């Protein structure tokens, strides 16, 4: 049987955990690698402008079909492909959603975050 003191401690710990989870949910930024991120990218933007929107976590992909360069930006829920000619975006970017285990460089904590709806 719980005493009142023990019950207060348990309720206090539960409230503290709920407050911490709420703070994390409120203050962790949304992943910019999503369809909303793609919608903000415009043809003619520079690499620096795209990096400011999506972060600097890009990987250069082989591009055999044009003289430009292709970069992939990876996040918790997928990746965005952006094609550049010189320093400017050449065509509309594309978002592809895929499971967390297929995202390169995503550790165990990132995989857990990818599974959470927020």
PDB file of N, CA and C in Angstrom:
ATOM      1  N   UNK A   1       0.847  -1.180   0.000  1.00  0.00           N
ATOM      2  CA  UNK A   1       0.000   0.000   0.000  1.00  0.00           C
ATOM      3  C   UNK A   1       0.892   1.244   0.000  1.00  0.00           C
ATOM      4  N   UNK A   2       0.509   2.201  -0.798  1.00  0.00           N
ATOM      5  CA  UNK A   2       1.286   3.433  -0.878  1.00  0.00           C
ATOM      6  C   UNK A   2       0.926   4.369   0.266  1.00  0.00           C
ATOM      7  N   UNK A   3       1.954   4.969   0.814  1.00  0.00           N
ATOM      8  CA  UNK A   3       1.696   6.029   1.783  1.00  0.00           C
ATOM      9  C   UNK A   3       1.496   7.314   1.010  1.00  0.00           C
ATOM     10  N   UNK A   4       0.985   8.311   1.685  1.00  0.00           N
ATOM     11  CA  UNK A   4       0.743   9.601   1.005  1.00  0.00           C
ATOM     12  C   UNK A   4       2.049  10.205   0.500  1.00  0.00           C
ATOM     13  N   UNK A   5       3.103  10.071   1.273  1.00  0.00           N
ATOM     14  CA  UNK A   5       4.381  10.650   0.870  1.00  0.00           C
ATOM     15  C   UNK A   5       4.904   9.973  -0.409  1.00  0.00           C
ATOM     16  N   UNK A   6       4.823   8.658  -0.459  1.00  0.00           N
ATOM     17  CA  UNK A   6       5.272   7.922  -1.637  1.00  0.00           C
ATOM     18  C   UNK A   6       4.408   8.267  -2.849  1.00  0.00           C
ATOM     19  N   UNK A   7       3.118   8.389  -2.645  1.00  0.00           N
ATOM     20  CA  UNK A   7       2.208   8.739  -3.726  1.00  0.00           C
ATOM     21  C   UNK A   7       2.519  10.133  -4.279  1.00  0.00           C
ATOM     22  N   UNK A   8       2.830  11.081  -3.410  1.00  0.00           N
ATOM     23  CA  UNK A   8       3.206  12.436  -3.855  1.00  0.00           C
ATOM     24  C   UNK A   8       4.485  12.397  -4.688  1.00  0.00           C
ATOM     25  N   UNK A   9       5.459  11.591  -4.269  1.00  0.00           N
ATOM     26  CA  UNK A   9       6.704  11.484  -5.018  1.00  0.00           C
ATOM     27  C   UNK A   9       6.449  10.891  -6.404  1.00  0.00           C
ATOM     28  N   UNK A  10       5.646   9.868  -6.456  1.00  0.00           N
ATOM     29  CA  UNK A  10       5.348   9.236  -7.743  1.00  0.00           C
ATOM     30  C   UNK A  10       4.615  10.210  -8.663  1.00  0.00           C
ATOM     31  N   UNK A  11       3.630  10.906  -8.147  1.00  0.00           N
ATOM     32  CA  UNK A  11       2.910  11.896  -8.954  1.00  0.00           C
ATOM     33  C   UNK A  11       3.826  13.036  -9.395  1.00  0.00           C
ATOM     34  N   UNK A  12       4.717  13.448  -8.506  1.00  0.00           N
ATOM     35  CA  UNK A  12       5.675  14.504  -8.860  1.00  0.00           C
ATOM     36  C   UNK A  12       6.593  14.086  -9.984  1.00  0.00           C
ATOM     37  N   UNK A  13       7.087  12.854  -9.936  1.00  0.00           N
ATOM     38  CA  UNK A  13       7.965  12.353 -10.989  1.00  0.00           C
ATOM     39  C   UNK A  13       7.207  12.242 -12.314  1.00  0.00           C
ATOM     40  N   UNK A  14       5.979  11.747 -12.242  1.00  0.00           N
ATOM     41  CA  UNK A  14       5.161  11.645 -13.456  1.00  0.00           C
ATOM     42  C   UNK A  14       4.919  13.022 -14.061  1.00  0.00           C
ATOM     43  N   UNK A  15       4.577  14.010 -13.242  1.00  0.00           N
ATOM     44  CA  UNK A  15       4.355  15.371 -13.753  1.00  0.00           C
ATOM     45  C   UNK A  15       5.633  15.965 -14.329  1.00  0.00           C
ATOM     46  N   UNK A  16       6.753  15.691 -13.689  1.00  0.00           N
ATOM     47  CA  UNK A  16       8.033  16.189 -14.190  1.00  0.00           C
ATOM     48  C   UNK A  16       8.363  15.568 -15.558  1.00  0.00           C
ATOM     49  N   UNK A  17       8.124  14.266 -15.719  1.00  0.00           N
ATOM     50  CA  UNK A  17       8.362  13.610 -17.002  1.00  0.00           C
ATOM     51  C   UNK A  17       7.427  14.139 -18.092  1.00  0.00           C
ATOM     52  N   UNK A  18       6.178  14.377 -17.737  1.00  0.00           N
ATOM     53  CA  UNK A  18       5.239  14.944 -18.707  1.00  0.00           C
ATOM     54  C   UNK A  18       5.654  16.358 -19.118  1.00  0.00           C
ATOM     55  N   UNK A  19       6.111  17.159 -18.153  1.00  0.00           N
ATOM     56  CA  UNK A  19       6.567  18.518 -18.469  1.00  0.00           C
ATOM     57  C   UNK A  19       7.799  18.480 -19.371  1.00  0.00           C
ATOM     58  N   UNK A  20       8.722  17.553 -19.106  1.00  0.00           N
ATOM     59  CA  UNK A  20       9.922  17.433 -19.944  1.00  0.00           C
ATOM     60  C   UNK A  20       9.549  16.998 -21.363  1.00  0.00           C
ATOM     61  N   UNK A  21       8.639  16.039 -21.484  1.00  0.00           N
ATOM     62  CA  UNK A  21       8.209  15.593 -22.815  1.00  0.00           C
ATOM     63  C   UNK A  21       7.512  16.724 -23.566  1.00  0.00           C
ATOM     64  N   UNK A  22       6.704  17.510 -22.868  1.00  0.00           N
ATOM     65  CA  UNK A  22       6.040  18.651 -23.499  1.00  0.00           C
ATOM     66  C   UNK A  22       7.031  19.701 -23.958  1.00  0.00           C
ATOM     67  N   UNK A  23       8.056  19.963 -23.151  1.00  0.00           N
ATOM     68  CA  UNK A  23       9.072  20.944 -23.526  1.00  0.00           C
ATOM     69  C   UNK A  23       9.850  20.478 -24.751  1.00  0.00           C
ATOM     70  N   UNK A  24      10.186  19.200 -24.795  1.00  0.00           N
ATOM     71  CA  UNK A  24      10.897  18.668 -25.961  1.00  0.00           C
ATOM     72  C   UNK A  24      10.021  18.791 -27.204  1.00  0.00           C
ATOM     73  N   UNK A  25       8.751  18.459 -27.068  1.00  0.00           N
ATOM     74  CA  UNK A  25       7.832  18.533 -28.203  1.00  0.00           C
ATOM     75  C   UNK A  25       7.699  19.966 -28.711  1.00  0.00           C
ATOM     76  N   UNK A  26       7.693  20.944 -27.795  1.00  0.00           N
ATOM     77  CA  UNK A  26       7.536  22.344 -28.192  1.00  0.00           C
ATOM     78  C   UNK A  26       8.802  22.943 -28.785  1.00  0.00           C
ATOM     79  N   UNK A  27       9.965  22.563 -28.263  1.00  0.00           N
ATOM     80  CA  UNK A  27      11.188  23.278 -28.607  1.00  0.00           C
ATOM     81  C   UNK A  27      12.089  22.559 -29.600  1.00  0.00           C
ATOM     82  N   UNK A  28      11.824  21.300 -29.916  1.00  0.00           N
ATOM     83  CA  UNK A  28      12.619  20.618 -30.936  1.00  0.00           C
ATOM     84  C   UNK A  28      12.128  21.104 -32.301  1.00  0.00           C
ATOM     85  N   UNK A  29      13.023  21.626 -33.119  1.00  0.00           N
ATOM     86  CA  UNK A  29      12.575  22.173 -34.401  1.00  0.00           C
ATOM     87  C   UNK A  29      12.065  21.084 -35.337  1.00  0.00           C
ATOM     88  N   UNK A  30      11.166  21.488 -36.210  1.00  0.00           N
ATOM     89  CA  UNK A  30      10.623  20.572 -37.211  1.00  0.00           C
ATOM     90  C   UNK A  30      11.704  20.245 -38.230  1.00  0.00           C
ATOM     91  N   UNK A  31      11.700  19.036 -38.706  1.00  0.00           N
ATOM     92  CA  UNK A  31      12.670  18.604 -39.701  1.00  0.00           C
ATOM     93  C   UNK A  31      12.428  19.356 -41.009  1.00  0.00           C
ATOM     94  N   UNK A  32      13.417  20.107 -41.518  1.00  0.00           N
ATOM     95  CA  UNK A  32      13.204  20.849 -42.766  1.00  0.00           C
ATOM     96  C   UNK A  32      13.173  19.961 -44.005  1.00  0.00           C
ATOM     97  N   UNK A  33      13.584  18.701 -43.849  1.00  0.00           N
ATOM     98  CA  UNK A  33      13.601  17.794 -44.989  1.00  0.00           C
ATOM     99  C   UNK A  33      12.223  17.144 -45.097  1.00  0.00           C
ATOM    100  N   UNK A  34      11.348  17.807 -45.810  1.00  0.00           N
ATOM    101  CA  UNK A  34       9.965  17.344 -45.985  1.00  0.00           C
ATOM    102  C   UNK A  34       9.417  17.988 -47.258  1.00  0.00           C
ATOM    103  N   UNK A  35       8.175  17.690 -47.562  1.00  0.00           N
ATOM    104  CA  UNK A  35       7.553  18.307 -48.737  1.00  0.00           C
ATOM    105  C   UNK A  35       7.446  19.820 -48.550  1.00  0.00           C
ATOM    106  N   UNK A  36       7.252  20.263 -47.305  1.00  0.00           N
ATOM    107  CA  UNK A  36       7.203  21.706 -47.039  1.00  0.00           C
ATOM    108  C   UNK A  36       8.547  22.364 -47.360  1.00  0.00           C
ATOM    109  N   UNK A  37       9.647  21.666 -47.090  1.00  0.00           N
ATOM    110  CA  UNK A  37      10.968  22.185 -47.441  1.00  0.00           C
ATOM    111  C   UNK A  37      11.151  22.288 -48.945  1.00  0.00           C
ATOM    112  N   UNK A  38      10.648  21.306 -49.671  1.00  0.00           N
ATOM    113  CA  UNK A  38      10.733  21.329 -51.131  1.00  0.00           C
ATOM    114  C   UNK A  38       9.931  22.502 -51.685  1.00  0.00           C
ATOM    115  N   UNK A  39       8.776  22.764 -51.095  1.00  0.00           N
ATOM    116  CA  UNK A  39       7.916  23.842 -51.588  1.00  0.00           C
ATOM    117  C   UNK A  39       8.570  25.218 -51.443  1.00  0.00           C
ATOM    118  N   UNK A  40       9.537  25.356 -50.547  1.00  0.00           N
ATOM    119  CA  UNK A  40      10.218  26.644 -50.363  1.00  0.00           C
ATOM    120  C   UNK A  40      11.380  26.850 -51.327  1.00  0.00           C
ATOM    121  N   UNK A  41      11.825  25.789 -51.984  1.00  0.00           N
ATOM    122  CA  UNK A  41      12.950  25.892 -52.909  1.00  0.00           C
ATOM    123  C   UNK A  41      12.438  26.333 -54.281  1.00  0.00           C
ATOM    124  N   UNK A  42      13.056  27.345 -54.827  1.00  0.00           N
ATOM    125  CA  UNK A  42      12.665  27.888 -56.125  1.00  0.00           C
ATOM    126  C   UNK A  42      13.812  27.754 -57.125  1.00  0.00           C
ATOM    127  N   UNK A  43      13.465  27.594 -58.389  1.00  0.00           N
ATOM    128  CA  UNK A  43      14.474  27.575 -59.457  1.00  0.00           C
ATOM    129  C   UNK A  43      15.170  28.924 -59.461  1.00  0.00           C
ATOM    130  N   UNK A  44      16.501  28.905 -59.529  1.00  0.00           N
ATOM    131  CA  UNK A  44      17.278  30.141 -59.528  1.00  0.00           C
ATOM    132  C   UNK A  44      17.890  30.467 -58.171  1.00  0.00           C
ATOM    133  N   UNK A  45      17.505  29.750 -57.103  1.00  0.00           N
ATOM    134  CA  UNK A  45      18.125  29.975 -55.796  1.00  0.00           C
ATOM    135  C   UNK A  45      19.575  29.497 -55.832  1.00  0.00           C
ATOM    136  N   UNK A  46      20.424  30.075 -54.990  1.00  0.00           N
ATOM    137  CA  UNK A  46      21.821  29.654 -54.913  1.00  0.00           C
ATOM    138  C   UNK A  46      21.965  28.503 -53.925  1.00  0.00           C
ATOM    139  N   UNK A  47      23.131  27.866 -53.975  1.00  0.00           N
ATOM    140  CA  UNK A  47      23.416  26.769 -53.040  1.00  0.00           C
ATOM    141  C   UNK A  47      23.349  27.274 -51.599  1.00  0.00           C
ATOM    142  N   UNK A  48      23.846  28.479 -51.353  1.00  0.00           N
ATOM    143  CA  UNK A  48      23.822  29.043 -49.998  1.00  0.00           C
ATOM    144  C   UNK A  48      22.394  29.254 -49.499  1.00  0.00           C
ATOM    145  N   UNK A  49      21.503  29.694 -50.382  1.00  0.00           N
ATOM    146  CA  UNK A  49      20.102  29.887 -49.988  1.00  0.00           C
ATOM    147  C   UNK A  49      19.424  28.552 -49.672  1.00  0.00           C
ATOM    148  N   UNK A  50      19.724  27.531 -50.475  1.00  0.00           N
ATOM    149  CA  UNK A  50      19.149  26.205 -50.213  1.00  0.00           C
ATOM    150  C   UNK A  50      19.713  25.640 -48.913  1.00  0.00           C
ATOM    151  N   UNK A  51      21.013  25.829 -48.672  1.00  0.00           N
ATOM    152  CA  UNK A  51      21.620  25.380 -47.417  1.00  0.00           C
ATOM    153  C   UNK A  51      21.001  26.085 -46.213  1.00  0.00           C
ATOM    154  N   UNK A  52      20.659  27.353 -46.372  1.00  0.00           N
ATOM    155  CA  UNK A  52      20.021  28.083 -45.270  1.00  0.00           C
ATOM    156  C   UNK A  52      18.636  27.516 -44.956  1.00  0.00           C
ATOM    157  N   UNK A  53      17.931  27.036 -45.972  1.00  0.00           N
ATOM    158  CA  UNK A  53      16.606  26.450 -45.755  1.00  0.00           C
ATOM    159  C   UNK A  53      16.672  25.028 -45.198  1.00  0.00           C
ATOM    160  N   UNK A  54      17.575  24.223 -45.753  1.00  0.00           N
ATOM    161  CA  UNK A  54      17.577  22.787 -45.453  1.00  0.00           C
ATOM    162  C   UNK A  54      18.705  22.343 -44.527  1.00  0.00           C
ATOM    163  N   UNK A  55      19.656  23.200 -44.265  1.00  0.00           N
ATOM    164  CA  UNK A  55      20.822  22.808 -43.473  1.00  0.00           C
ATOM    165  C   UNK A  55      21.955  22.415 -44.403  1.00  0.00           C
ATOM    166  N   UNK A  56      23.119  22.244 -43.825  1.00  0.00           N
ATOM    167  CA  UNK A  56      24.307  21.986 -44.636  1.00  0.00           C
ATOM    168  C   UNK A  56      24.666  20.501 -44.662  1.00  0.00           C
ATOM    169  N   UNK A  57      23.699  19.635 -44.436  1.00  0.00           N
ATOM    170  CA  UNK A  57      23.956  18.192 -44.397  1.00  0.00           C
ATOM    171  C   UNK A  57      23.701  17.556 -45.764  1.00  0.00           C
ATOM    172  N   UNK A  58      24.365  18.070 -46.761  1.00  0.00           N
ATOM    173  CA  UNK A  58      24.118  17.574 -48.122  1.00  0.00           C
ATOM    174  C   UNK A  58      25.195  16.579 -48.527  1.00  0.00           C
ATOM    175  N   UNK A  59      24.811  15.687 -49.442  1.00  0.00           N
ATOM    176  CA  UNK A  59      25.714  14.698 -50.017  1.00  0.00           C
ATOM    177  C   UNK A  59      25.645  14.870 -51.527  1.00  0.00           C
ATOM    178  N   UNK A  60      26.808  14.972 -52.154  1.00  0.00           N
ATOM    179  CA  UNK A  60      26.814  15.122 -53.611  1.00  0.00           C
ATOM    180  C   UNK A  60      26.575  13.768 -54.264  1.00  0.00           C
ATOM    181  N   UNK A  61      25.639  13.747 -55.200  1.00  0.00           N
ATOM    182  CA  UNK A  61      25.295  12.528 -55.928  1.00  0.00           C
ATOM    183  C   UNK A  61      25.943  12.554 -57.303  1.00  0.00           C
ATOM    184  N   UNK A  62      26.238  11.383 -57.866  1.00  0.00           N
ATOM    185  CA  UNK A  62      26.780  11.373 -59.227  1.00  0.00           C
ATOM    186  C   UNK A  62      25.732  11.879 -60.215  1.00  0.00           C
ATOM    187  N   UNK A  63      26.163  12.716 -61.133  1.00  0.00           N
ATOM    188  CA  UNK A  63      25.247  13.293 -62.122  1.00  0.00           C
ATOM    189  C   UNK A  63      25.883  13.118 -63.489  1.00  0.00           C
ATOM    190  N   UNK A  64      25.421  12.120 -64.225  1.00  0.00           N
ATOM    191  CA  UNK A  64      26.021  11.801 -65.524  1.00  0.00           C
ATOM    192  C   UNK A  64      25.270  12.423 -66.694  1.00  0.00           C
ATOM    193  N   UNK A  65      24.128  13.034 -66.432  1.00  0.00           N
ATOM    194  CA  UNK A  65      23.278  13.490 -67.523  1.00  0.00           C
ATOM    195  C   UNK A  65      23.390  14.980 -67.823  1.00  0.00           C
ATOM    196  N   UNK A  66      24.038  15.739 -66.948  1.00  0.00           N
ATOM    197  CA  UNK A  66      24.147  17.180 -67.200  1.00  0.00           C
ATOM    198  C   UNK A  66      25.487  17.689 -66.699  1.00  0.00           C
ATOM    199  N   UNK A  67      25.746  18.956 -66.973  1.00  0.00           N
ATOM    200  CA  UNK A  67      27.003  19.573 -66.550  1.00  0.00           C
ATOM    201  C   UNK A  67      26.937  20.089 -65.121  1.00  0.00           C
ATOM    202  N   UNK A  68      25.788  20.012 -64.503  1.00  0.00           N
ATOM    203  CA  UNK A  68      25.623  20.550 -63.160  1.00  0.00           C
ATOM    204  C   UNK A  68      25.973  19.536 -62.079  1.00  0.00           C
ATOM    205  N   UNK A  69      25.571  19.866 -60.870  1.00  0.00           N
ATOM    206  CA  UNK A  69      25.798  18.979 -59.733  1.00  0.00           C
ATOM    207  C   UNK A  69      24.463  18.697 -59.053  1.00  0.00           C
ATOM    208  N   UNK A  70      24.362  17.526 -58.449  1.00  0.00           N
ATOM    209  CA  UNK A  70      23.147  17.105 -57.772  1.00  0.00           C
ATOM    210  C   UNK A  70      23.485  16.811 -56.324  1.00  0.00           C
ATOM    211  N   UNK A  71      22.675  17.354 -55.410  1.00  0.00           N
ATOM    212  CA  UNK A  71      22.880  17.127 -53.982  1.00  0.00           C
ATOM    213  C   UNK A  71      21.635  16.500 -53.383  1.00  0.00           C
ATOM    214  N   UNK A  72      21.854  15.648 -52.392  1.00  0.00           N
ATOM    215  CA  UNK A  72      20.756  15.071 -51.622  1.00  0.00           C
ATOM    216  C   UNK A  72      20.878  15.573 -50.188  1.00  0.00           C
ATOM    217  N   UNK A  73      19.778  16.046 -49.642  1.00  0.00           N
ATOM    218  CA  UNK A  73      19.694  16.489 -48.251  1.00  0.00           C
ATOM    219  C   UNK A  73      18.853  15.456 -47.510  1.00  0.00           C
ATOM    220  N   UNK A  74      19.394  14.866 -46.458  1.00  0.00           N
ATOM    221  CA  UNK A  74      18.694  13.807 -45.736  1.00  0.00           C
ATOM    222  C   UNK A  74      18.181  14.307 -44.397  1.00  0.00           C
ATOM    223  N   UNK A  75      16.984  13.846 -44.038  1.00  0.00           N
ATOM    224  CA  UNK A  75      16.381  14.179 -42.759  1.00  0.00           C
ATOM    225  C   UNK A  75      15.833  12.930 -42.092  1.00  0.00           C
ATOM    226  N   UNK A  76      14.944  13.107 -41.131  1.00  0.00           N
ATOM    227  CA  UNK A  76      14.413  11.988 -40.353  1.00  0.00           C
ATOM    228  C   UNK A  76      13.370  11.167 -41.101  1.00  0.00           C
ATOM    229  N   UNK A  77      12.805  11.718 -42.153  1.00  0.00           N
ATOM    230  CA  UNK A  77      11.717  11.018 -42.843  1.00  0.00           C
ATOM    231  C   UNK A  77      11.975  10.790 -44.318  1.00  0.00           C
ATOM    232  N   UNK A  78      13.136  11.215 -44.813  1.00  0.00           N
ATOM    233  CA  UNK A  78      13.407  11.027 -46.230  1.00  0.00           C
ATOM    234  C   UNK A  78      14.522  11.928 -46.710  1.00  0.00           C
ATOM    235  N   UNK A  79      14.497  12.210 -48.000  1.00  0.00           N
ATOM    236  CA  UNK A  79      15.539  13.022 -48.595  1.00  0.00           C
ATOM    237  C   UNK A  79      14.992  13.939 -49.670  1.00  0.00           C
ATOM    238  N   UNK A  80      15.738  15.006 -49.927  1.00  0.00           N
ATOM    239  CA  UNK A  80      15.390  15.963 -50.973  1.00  0.00           C
ATOM    240  C   UNK A  80      16.531  15.989 -51.973  1.00  0.00           C
ATOM    241  N   UNK A  81      16.180  15.871 -53.239  1.00  0.00           N
ATOM    242  CA  UNK A  81      17.164  15.952 -54.317  1.00  0.00           C
ATOM    243  C   UNK A  81      17.056  17.320 -54.968  1.00  0.00           C
ATOM    244  N   UNK A  82      18.212  18.001 -55.081  1.00  0.00           N
ATOM    245  CA  UNK A  82      18.256  19.329 -55.693  1.00  0.00           C
ATOM    246  C   UNK A  82      19.333  19.322 -56.775  1.00  0.00           C
ATOM    247  N   UNK A  83      18.960  19.738 -57.982  1.00  0.00           N
ATOM    248  CA  UNK A  83      19.888  19.806 -59.112  1.00  0.00           C
ATOM    249  C   UNK A  83      20.323  21.254 -59.314  1.00  0.00           C
ATOM    250  N   UNK A  84      21.638  21.433 -59.465  1.00  0.00           N
ATOM    251  CA  UNK A  84      22.214  22.765 -59.660  1.00  0.00           C
ATOM    252  C   UNK A  84      22.956  22.809 -60.988  1.00  0.00           C
ATOM    253  N   UNK A  85      22.888  23.971 -61.641  1.00  0.00           N
ATOM    254  CA  UNK A  85      23.761  24.289 -62.765  1.00  0.00           C
ATOM    255  C   UNK A  85      24.594  25.463 -62.267  1.00  0.00           C
ATOM    256  N   UNK A  86      25.885  25.235 -62.134  1.00  0.00           N
ATOM    257  CA  UNK A  86      26.735  26.257 -61.526  1.00  0.00           C
ATOM    258  C   UNK A  86      26.358  26.416 -60.059  1.00  0.00           C
ATOM    259  N   UNK A  87      25.961  27.613 -59.685  1.00  0.00           N
ATOM    260  CA  UNK A  87      25.577  27.899 -58.299  1.00  0.00           C
ATOM    261  C   UNK A  87      24.069  27.979 -58.098  1.00  0.00           C
ATOM    262  N   UNK A  88      23.270  27.761 -59.140  1.00  0.00           N
ATOM    263  CA  UNK A  88      21.828  28.001 -59.079  1.00  0.00           C
ATOM    264  C   UNK A  88      21.028  26.716 -59.248  1.00  0.00           C
ATOM    265  N   UNK A  89      19.861  26.684 -58.608  1.00  0.00           N
ATOM    266  CA  UNK A  89      18.948  25.545 -58.744  1.00  0.00           C
ATOM    267  C   UNK A  89      18.464  25.499 -60.183  1.00  0.00           C
ATOM    268  N   UNK A  90      18.575  24.316 -60.793  1.00  0.00           N
ATOM    269  CA  UNK A  90      18.274  24.142 -62.207  1.00  0.00           C
ATOM    270  C   UNK A  90      16.807  23.778 -62.457  1.00  0.00           C
ATOM    271  N   UNK A  91      16.230  22.923 -61.609  1.00  0.00           N
ATOM    272  CA  UNK A  91      14.843  22.457 -61.792  1.00  0.00           C
ATOM    273  C   UNK A  91      14.216  22.252 -60.420  1.00  0.00           C
ATOM    274  N   UNK A  92      12.907  22.085 -60.363  1.00  0.00           N
ATOM    275  CA  UNK A  92      12.252  21.908 -59.064  1.00  0.00           C
ATOM    276  C   UNK A  92      12.820  20.718 -58.285  1.00  0.00           C
ATOM    277  N   UNK A  93      12.982  20.897 -56.985  1.00  0.00           N
ATOM    278  CA  UNK A  93      13.505  19.844 -56.114  1.00  0.00           C
ATOM    279  C   UNK A  93      12.444  18.769 -55.905  1.00  0.00           C
ATOM    280  N   UNK A  94      12.900  17.590 -55.491  1.00  0.00           N
ATOM    281  CA  UNK A  94      11.983  16.470 -55.267  1.00  0.00           C
ATOM    282  C   UNK A  94      12.227  15.872 -53.886  1.00  0.00           C
ATOM    283  N   UNK A  95      11.135  15.552 -53.194  1.00  0.00           N
ATOM    284  CA  UNK A  95      11.197  14.897 -51.883  1.00  0.00           C
ATOM    285  C   UNK A  95      10.815  13.438 -52.035  1.00  0.00           C
ATOM    286  N   UNK A  96      11.576  12.575 -51.383  1.00  0.00           N
ATOM    287  CA  UNK A  96      11.244  11.151 -51.377  1.00  0.00           C
ATOM    288  C   UNK A  96      11.259  10.672 -49.931  1.00  0.00           C
ATOM    289  N   UNK A  97      10.146  10.091 -49.514  1.00  0.00           N
ATOM    290  CA  UNK A  97      10.034   9.568 -48.157  1.00  0.00           C
ATOM    291  C   UNK A  97      10.440   8.101 -48.157  1.00  0.00           C
ATOM    292  N   UNK A  98      11.273   7.718 -47.177  1.00  0.00           N
ATOM    293  CA  UNK A  98      11.637   6.321 -47.048  1.00  0.00           C
ATOM    294  C   UNK A  98      11.859   5.974 -45.595  1.00  0.00           C
ATOM    295  N   UNK A  99      11.890   4.672 -45.260  1.00  0.00           N
ATOM    296  CA  UNK A  99      11.984   4.253 -43.870  1.00  0.00           C
ATOM    297  C   UNK A  99      13.302   4.664 -43.225  1.00  0.00           C
ATOM    298  N   UNK A 100      13.303   4.849 -41.896  1.00  0.00           N
ATOM    299  CA  UNK A 100      14.509   5.329 -41.197  1.00  0.00           C
ATOM    300  C   UNK A 100      15.743   4.455 -41.408  1.00  0.00           C
ATOM    301  N   UNK A 101      15.567   3.150 -41.562  1.00  0.00           N
ATOM    302  CA  UNK A 101      16.748   2.288 -41.710  1.00  0.00           C
ATOM    303  C   UNK A 101      17.462   2.501 -43.034  1.00  0.00           C
ATOM    304  N   UNK A 102      16.827   3.174 -43.987  1.00  0.00           N
ATOM    305  CA  UNK A 102      17.450   3.434 -45.285  1.00  0.00           C
ATOM    306  C   UNK A 102      18.090   4.813 -45.380  1.00  0.00           C
ATOM    307  N   UNK A 103      17.980   5.612 -44.322  1.00  0.00           N
ATOM    308  CA  UNK A 103      18.543   6.960 -44.345  1.00  0.00           C
ATOM    309  C   UNK A 103      20.014   6.881 -43.943  1.00  0.00           C
ATOM    310  N   UNK A 104      20.937   7.318 -44.809  1.00  0.00           N
ATOM    311  CA  UNK A 104      22.359   7.233 -44.481  1.00  0.00           C
ATOM    312  C   UNK A 104      22.739   8.173 -43.335  1.00  0.00           C
ATOM    313  N   UNK A 105      23.584   7.690 -42.451  1.00  0.00           N
ATOM    314  CA  UNK A 105      24.112   8.512 -41.368  1.00  0.00           C
ATOM    315  C   UNK A 105      23.155   8.774 -40.226  1.00  0.00           C
ATOM    316  N   UNK A 106      22.049   8.078 -40.152  1.00  0.00           N
ATOM    317  CA  UNK A 106      21.069   8.287 -39.090  1.00  0.00           C
ATOM    318  C   UNK A 106      21.328   7.268 -37.989  1.00  0.00           C
ATOM    319  N   UNK A 107      21.740   7.746 -36.813  1.00  0.00           N
ATOM    320  CA  UNK A 107      22.056   6.863 -35.695  1.00  0.00           C
ATOM    321  C   UNK A 107      20.813   6.340 -34.998  1.00  0.00           C
ATOM    322  N   UNK A 108      21.000   5.607 -33.885  1.00  0.00           N
ATOM    323  CA  UNK A 108      19.860   5.024 -33.169  1.00  0.00           C
ATOM    324  C   UNK A 108      18.887   6.072 -32.635  1.00  0.00           C
ATOM    325  N   UNK A 109      19.400   7.190 -32.122  1.00  0.00           N
ATOM    326  CA  UNK A 109      18.517   8.238 -31.607  1.00  0.00           C
ATOM    327  C   UNK A 109      17.735   8.897 -32.742  1.00  0.00           C
ATOM    328  N   UNK A 110      18.374   9.091 -33.874  1.00  0.00           N
ATOM    329  CA  UNK A 110      17.676   9.645 -35.037  1.00  0.00           C
ATOM    330  C   UNK A 110      16.614   8.702 -35.555  1.00  0.00           C
ATOM    331  N   UNK A 111      16.890   7.400 -35.518  1.00  0.00           N
ATOM    332  CA  UNK A 111      15.881   6.430 -35.943  1.00  0.00           C
ATOM    333  C   UNK A 111      14.671   6.440 -35.008  1.00  0.00           C
ATOM    334  N   UNK A 112      14.946   6.590 -33.705  1.00  0.00           N
ATOM    335  CA  UNK A 112      13.838   6.686 -32.747  1.00  0.00           C
ATOM    336  C   UNK A 112      13.020   7.931 -33.021  1.00  0.00           C
ATOM    337  N   UNK A 113      13.678   9.052 -33.275  1.00  0.00           N
ATOM    338  CA  UNK A 113      12.949  10.287 -33.559  1.00  0.00           C
ATOM    339  C   UNK A 113      12.150  10.171 -34.853  1.00  0.00           C
ATOM    340  N   UNK A 114      12.685   9.455 -35.822  1.00  0.00           N
ATOM    341  CA  UNK A 114      11.967   9.276 -37.094  1.00  0.00           C
ATOM    342  C   UNK A 114      10.691   8.478 -36.902  1.00  0.00           C
ATOM    343  N   UNK A 115      10.673   7.592 -35.926  1.00  0.00           N
ATOM    344  CA  UNK A 115       9.482   6.780 -35.681  1.00  0.00           C
ATOM    345  C   UNK A 115       8.391   7.560 -34.943  1.00  0.00           C
ATOM    346  N   UNK A 116       8.799   8.603 -34.208  1.00  0.00           N
ATOM    347  CA  UNK A 116       7.826   9.404 -33.454  1.00  0.00           C
ATOM    348  C   UNK A 116       7.091  10.339 -34.402  1.00  0.00           C
ATOM    349  N   UNK A 117       5.835  10.611 -34.145  1.00  0.00           N
ATOM    350  CA  UNK A 117       5.073  11.458 -35.061  1.00  0.00           C
ATOM    351  C   UNK A 117       5.448  12.934 -34.999  1.00  0.00           C
ATOM    352  N   UNK A 118       6.223  13.353 -34.054  1.00  0.00           N
ATOM    353  CA  UNK A 118       6.619  14.761 -33.954  1.00  0.00           C
ATOM    354  C   UNK A 118       8.074  14.830 -34.132  1.00  0.00           C
TER     355      UNK A 118
END
